[in-house]
Amino acid sequence: MPGKTVVAISSTVMRGAVGLRPITFALEHRGAFVWTVPTVLLPWHPGLGPSTRTANPDFAGHLADLGTHAAEVDAVLTGYFASAAQVEAAAAFIDTVRAARPDAVVLVDPVMGDDRGRYVPDAIAEAIRALLVPRADIVTPNAFELSDLGGTDDLAAAARAIGVPQVVVTSAVAEPGRLGTLLLTAGEGVLVTHEAVADAPRGTGDLFSAVYLSSVLANPPAEALADAAAATLAAVLASTGSMLAYSSAAAAIAAPDRARLSLGPADLAADFTATPGG
């Protein structure tokens, strides 16, 4: 991973630990060079209350400029978008990168909703489905998002339907006292579980995706899954409030300790189903 260049596309939040803040922190602490492209500027996460929001007015132009250096890009990570037009610009940028670097890795975190339903406009969700998911090597949805993308609550079937080589379903399995993330690749599954933490702060998905991408550039997917789960758990355990204390887990993000994890094959005949959203 050291020395890799990653373009990270997501939100910038002033007060909080979501979007580009944990993404950039994790990638840089794991040795990457990060080109950050903000989609929107927010005072805090929308879930913490109403606020002003300013979409990046030059988003497409910024990506077009970066595209002139596409041969330097090893990977692209996408997260939160403020409009369907931004999704279209990101898809065009990915095409530019792929033309210069066919080996570049694309991770799409389809930030669309949760078990309460979609929390982005339908136009954004449909653009992610139509334009970004088909271009992805890796997607990291939660269970609701995968069900929404794949058209079924059966997570394995939904992963097959979207046709992405690596599908990592965060918080896919909830057992008494345990929480699990599911990796689905070519009809096979790997499940990692760890202790459940009540009232986990926001930003865990952003951190998880960044660590997974940085690890999978150098390791097999199952090892990347373990690294991302261990790093994210360490940050959650270091947090004492509603904001993810990723800076307090810097060492664990750079070199995750997998001792608290259980990792093994997933029985895809088991009942891995999403909770339908409202």
Protein backbone atom coordinates (compact mmCIF):
# COMPACT_ATOMS: atom_id res chain seq x y z
CA MET A 1 0.00 0.00 0.00
CA PRO A 2 2.71 2.63 0.75
CA GLY A 3 3.13 5.02 -2.15
CA LYS A 4 -0.25 4.33 -3.79
CA THR A 5 -2.29 7.30 -5.00
CA VAL A 6 -6.00 7.25 -4.16
CA VAL A 7 -8.62 9.73 -5.33
CA ALA A 8 -11.23 10.05 -2.56
CA ILE A 9 -14.59 11.57 -3.49
CA SER A 10 -17.06 12.33 -0.69
CA SER A 11 -18.41 14.99 1.67
CA THR A 12 -16.44 17.43 3.81
CA VAL A 13 -17.85 18.00 7.29
CA MET A 14 -16.52 20.74 9.56
CA ARG A 15 -17.65 19.37 12.92
CA GLY A 16 -17.63 15.61 12.93
CA ALA A 17 -15.81 12.51 11.81
CA VAL A 18 -17.52 11.39 8.63
CA GLY A 19 -16.87 11.57 4.90
CA LEU A 20 -13.45 12.68 3.73
CA ARG A 21 -12.10 13.27 7.23
CA PRO A 22 -11.83 9.60 8.36
CA ILE A 23 -11.24 8.45 4.77
CA THR A 24 -8.22 10.69 4.31
CA PHE A 25 -6.89 10.03 7.81
CA ALA A 26 -7.02 6.27 7.33
CA LEU A 27 -5.50 6.25 3.86
CA GLU A 28 -2.66 8.57 4.82
CA HIS A 29 -1.89 6.67 8.02
CA ARG A 30 -1.64 3.55 5.89
CA GLY A 31 0.85 5.18 3.53
CA ALA A 32 -1.25 6.44 0.63
CA PHE A 33 -1.12 9.72 -1.22
CA VAL A 34 -4.69 11.06 -1.22
CA TRP A 35 -6.29 13.46 -3.68
CA THR A 36 -9.47 14.62 -1.94
CA VAL A 37 -12.45 15.80 -4.00
CA PRO A 38 -15.29 17.22 -1.87
CA THR A 39 -18.85 16.79 -3.10
CA VAL A 40 -20.48 19.04 -0.51
CA LEU A 41 -19.46 21.16 2.50
CA LEU A 42 -21.49 20.70 5.68
CA PRO A 43 -21.10 22.03 9.24
CA TRP A 44 -21.97 18.56 10.58
CA HIS A 45 -23.55 15.25 9.63
CA PRO A 46 -27.18 15.78 8.50
CA GLY A 47 -28.29 13.21 11.06
CA LEU A 48 -27.20 15.57 13.83
CA GLY A 49 -29.67 18.27 12.82
CA PRO A 50 -30.42 20.79 10.07
CA SER A 51 -27.63 23.00 8.77
CA THR A 52 -26.46 24.89 5.74
CA ARG A 53 -24.93 22.84 2.92
CA THR A 54 -22.90 23.95 -0.06
CA ALA A 55 -22.46 21.59 -2.98
CA ASN A 56 -19.10 21.90 -4.74
CA PRO A 57 -19.97 24.18 -7.68
CA ASP A 58 -16.87 23.15 -9.65
CA PHE A 59 -17.00 19.41 -8.93
CA ALA A 60 -16.97 18.28 -12.57
CA GLY A 61 -14.22 20.74 -13.41
CA HIS A 62 -12.07 19.59 -10.51
CA LEU A 63 -12.36 15.99 -11.66
CA ALA A 64 -11.62 16.95 -15.24
CA ASP A 65 -8.46 18.72 -14.09
CA LEU A 66 -7.36 15.72 -12.04
CA GLY A 67 -8.07 13.53 -15.04
CA THR A 68 -5.10 15.11 -16.82
CA HIS A 69 -2.97 13.22 -14.27
CA ALA A 70 -4.97 9.97 -14.47
CA ALA A 71 -1.88 7.85 -15.14
CA GLU A 72 -0.77 8.54 -11.56
CA VAL A 73 -3.96 7.14 -9.99
CA ASP A 74 -3.90 3.68 -8.42
CA ALA A 75 -7.41 3.68 -6.96
CA VAL A 76 -10.64 5.67 -6.70
CA LEU A 77 -12.98 5.66 -3.70
CA THR A 78 -16.43 7.22 -3.91
CA GLY A 79 -18.79 7.99 -1.03
CA TYR A 80 -21.48 10.62 -0.49
CA PHE A 81 -22.81 12.65 -3.45
CA ALA A 82 -24.89 15.83 -3.41
CA SER A 83 -26.52 15.35 -6.83
CA ALA A 84 -26.98 12.91 -9.69
CA ALA A 85 -24.87 15.23 -11.87
CA GLN A 86 -21.95 14.66 -9.52
CA VAL A 87 -22.38 10.91 -9.92
CA GLU A 88 -22.24 11.35 -13.69
CA ALA A 89 -19.02 13.37 -13.39
CA ALA A 90 -17.47 10.74 -11.11
CA ALA A 91 -18.33 8.00 -13.61
CA ALA A 92 -16.68 9.99 -16.40
CA PHE A 93 -13.60 10.48 -14.22
CA ILE A 94 -13.40 6.74 -13.52
CA ASP A 95 -13.50 6.11 -17.27
CA THR A 96 -10.62 8.56 -17.74
CA VAL A 97 -8.59 6.82 -15.04
CA ARG A 98 -9.32 3.39 -16.47
CA ALA A 99 -8.24 4.51 -19.94
CA ALA A 100 -4.86 5.56 -18.53
CA ARG A 101 -4.59 2.88 -15.85
CA PRO A 102 -6.59 -0.28 -16.64
CA ASP A 103 -5.30 -1.79 -13.38
CA ALA A 104 -6.71 1.00 -11.19
CA VAL A 105 -9.06 -0.24 -8.46
CA VAL A 106 -12.47 1.39 -7.97
CA LEU A 107 -14.31 1.12 -4.64
CA VAL A 108 -17.86 2.46 -4.50
CA ASP A 109 -19.43 3.03 -1.09
CA PRO A 110 -23.06 3.47 -2.22
CA VAL A 111 -24.21 5.95 0.40
CA MET A 112 -27.95 5.74 -0.15
CA GLY A 113 -29.82 4.73 2.99
CA ASP A 114 -30.21 2.38 5.93
CA ASP A 115 -32.89 0.19 7.47
CA ARG A 116 -35.20 3.22 7.65
CA GLY A 117 -35.08 3.57 3.85
CA ARG A 118 -33.32 5.84 1.38
CA TYR A 119 -32.00 9.09 2.78
CA VAL A 120 -30.75 10.52 -0.52
CA PRO A 121 -33.00 11.61 -3.40
CA ASP A 122 -34.03 8.81 -5.72
CA ALA A 123 -32.14 10.44 -8.60
CA ILE A 124 -28.84 10.06 -6.72
CA ALA A 125 -29.56 6.46 -5.70
CA GLU A 126 -30.52 5.50 -9.24
CA ALA A 127 -27.43 7.21 -10.68
CA ILE A 128 -25.21 5.27 -8.27
CA ARG A 129 -26.92 2.04 -9.33
CA ALA A 130 -26.70 2.77 -13.06
CA LEU A 131 -23.36 4.55 -13.37
CA LEU A 132 -21.04 3.71 -10.47
CA VAL A 133 -21.85 0.14 -9.45
CA PRO A 134 -21.17 -1.25 -12.97
CA ARG A 135 -17.76 0.47 -12.90
CA ALA A 136 -16.79 -0.84 -9.45
CA ASP A 137 -14.34 -3.57 -8.52
CA ILE A 138 -15.54 -3.34 -4.91
CA VAL A 139 -18.74 -2.08 -3.31
CA THR A 140 -19.19 -1.63 0.43
CA PRO A 141 -22.94 -1.24 1.06
CA ASN A 142 -24.79 -1.82 4.28
CA ALA A 143 -27.44 -4.53 4.14
CA PHE A 144 -30.23 -2.15 3.13
CA GLU A 145 -28.14 -0.60 0.36
CA LEU A 146 -27.21 -3.99 -1.09
CA SER A 147 -30.86 -5.07 -1.01
CA ASP A 148 -31.83 -1.81 -2.72
CA LEU A 149 -29.16 -2.23 -5.41
CA GLY A 150 -29.80 -5.92 -6.01
CA GLY A 151 -33.59 -5.93 -5.78
CA THR A 152 -33.85 -8.64 -3.11
CA ASP A 153 -33.43 -8.99 0.65
CA ASP A 154 -31.33 -12.15 0.08
CA LEU A 155 -27.86 -10.61 0.36
CA ALA A 156 -26.03 -13.35 -1.56
CA ALA A 157 -28.56 -13.13 -4.39
CA ALA A 158 -28.36 -9.33 -4.38
CA ALA A 159 -24.56 -9.50 -4.65
CA ARG A 160 -24.87 -11.84 -7.63
CA ALA A 161 -27.42 -9.53 -9.25
CA ILE A 162 -25.19 -6.45 -9.19
CA GLY A 163 -22.23 -8.41 -10.57
CA VAL A 164 -19.39 -6.65 -8.73
CA PRO A 165 -16.31 -8.85 -8.07
CA GLN A 166 -16.07 -7.94 -4.36
CA VAL A 167 -19.14 -7.06 -2.31
CA VAL A 168 -18.50 -6.20 1.33
CA VAL A 169 -21.73 -5.90 3.34
CA THR A 170 -21.15 -3.92 6.52
CA SER A 171 -23.21 -4.76 9.61
CA ALA A 172 -24.76 -7.64 7.66
CA VAL A 173 -25.10 -10.02 10.58
CA ALA A 174 -26.36 -9.28 14.08
CA GLU A 175 -26.05 -12.03 16.68
CA PRO A 176 -26.40 -11.76 20.46
CA GLY A 177 -23.46 -9.58 21.47
CA ARG A 178 -21.78 -9.85 18.03
CA LEU A 179 -21.81 -7.87 14.80
CA GLY A 180 -20.66 -9.25 11.46
CA THR A 181 -19.52 -8.02 8.06
CA LEU A 182 -19.90 -10.27 5.03
CA LEU A 183 -17.53 -10.50 2.05
CA LEU A 184 -19.04 -12.03 -1.09
CA THR A 185 -16.81 -12.91 -4.04
CA ALA A 186 -17.64 -15.21 -6.98
CA GLY A 187 -20.12 -17.37 -5.09
CA GLU A 188 -18.00 -17.63 -1.96
CA GLY A 189 -18.39 -15.84 1.33
CA VAL A 190 -16.26 -14.84 4.29
CA LEU A 191 -17.73 -13.58 7.54
CA VAL A 192 -15.91 -11.53 10.15
CA THR A 193 -17.57 -10.88 13.51
CA HIS A 194 -16.61 -8.94 16.60
CA GLU A 195 -18.23 -7.70 19.77
CA ALA A 196 -21.19 -5.41 19.27
CA VAL A 197 -20.83 -1.88 20.60
CA ALA A 198 -24.00 -0.06 21.59
CA ASP A 199 -24.59 3.40 20.11
CA ALA A 200 -21.59 3.31 17.79
CA PRO A 201 -20.66 6.74 16.41
CA ARG A 202 -21.17 7.82 12.81
CA GLY A 203 -18.40 7.52 10.26
CA THR A 204 -17.63 3.83 10.67
CA GLY A 205 -18.56 3.03 7.06
CA ASP A 206 -16.23 5.70 5.69
CA LEU A 207 -13.34 4.48 7.83
CA PHE A 208 -14.05 0.83 6.99
CA SER A 209 -14.07 1.46 3.24
CA ALA A 210 -10.80 3.40 3.35
CA VAL A 211 -8.97 0.72 5.33
CA TYR A 212 -10.41 -2.06 3.17
CA LEU A 213 -9.27 -0.35 -0.02
CA SER A 214 -5.79 0.35 1.30
CA SER A 215 -5.39 -3.24 2.47
CA VAL A 216 -6.82 -4.95 -0.61
CA LEU A 217 -4.32 -3.14 -2.83
CA ALA A 218 -1.68 -5.38 -1.24
CA ASN A 219 -3.55 -8.33 0.32
CA PRO A 220 -6.24 -10.92 -0.49
CA PRO A 221 -9.83 -9.75 0.13
CA ALA A 222 -10.29 -11.84 3.29
CA GLU A 223 -7.23 -10.21 4.87
CA ALA A 224 -8.47 -6.78 3.85
CA LEU A 225 -11.83 -7.60 5.44
CA ALA A 226 -10.12 -8.46 8.73
CA ASP A 227 -7.94 -5.35 8.63
CA ALA A 228 -10.91 -3.06 8.00
CA ALA A 229 -13.04 -4.67 10.70
CA ALA A 230 -10.23 -4.55 13.27
CA ALA A 231 -9.35 -0.93 12.54
CA THR A 232 -12.97 0.18 12.66
CA LEU A 233 -13.62 -1.66 15.92
CA ALA A 234 -10.56 -0.03 17.47
CA ALA A 235 -11.83 3.43 16.51
CA VAL A 236 -15.30 2.68 17.88
CA LEU A 237 -13.87 1.43 21.17
CA ALA A 238 -11.76 4.59 21.43
CA SER A 239 -14.85 6.79 21.01
CA THR A 240 -16.75 8.16 23.99
CA GLY A 241 -19.41 10.24 22.25
CA SER A 242 -21.32 10.57 19.01
CA MET A 243 -18.20 11.32 16.95
CA LEU A 244 -15.78 8.64 15.80
CA ALA A 245 -12.45 9.11 17.61
CA TYR A 246 -10.37 7.79 14.74
CA SER A 247 -7.33 9.87 15.71
CA SER A 248 -7.19 7.98 19.02
CA ALA A 249 -6.89 4.73 17.06
CA ALA A 250 -4.17 5.87 14.67
CA ALA A 251 -1.82 2.98 15.49
CA ALA A 252 -4.60 0.41 15.08
CA ILE A 253 -5.62 1.93 11.75
CA ALA A 254 -2.05 1.81 10.45
CA ALA A 255 -1.49 -1.76 11.70
CA PRO A 256 -4.78 -3.42 12.72
CA ASP A 257 -4.78 -6.02 15.50
CA ARG A 258 -7.16 -8.84 14.55
CA ALA A 259 -7.15 -10.51 18.00
CA ARG A 260 -10.77 -9.52 18.81
CA LEU A 261 -12.16 -10.89 15.54
CA SER A 262 -13.63 -14.19 14.45
CA LEU A 263 -13.03 -14.83 10.74
CA GLY A 264 -14.11 -17.77 8.63
CA PRO A 265 -16.12 -19.04 5.65
CA ALA A 266 -19.73 -17.93 5.43
CA ASP A 267 -22.42 -20.49 4.73
CA LEU A 268 -24.26 -18.86 1.87
CA ALA A 269 -27.16 -21.23 2.41
CA ALA A 270 -27.71 -19.50 5.74
CA ASP A 271 -30.27 -16.72 6.16
CA PHE A 272 -28.36 -13.58 5.23
CA THR A 273 -31.27 -11.22 4.63
CA ALA A 274 -31.62 -7.47 4.85
CA THR A 275 -34.24 -5.79 7.02
CA PRO A 276 -36.58 -4.03 4.58
CA GLY A 277 -36.41 -0.26 4.80
CA GLY A 278 -39.39 1.98 5.46
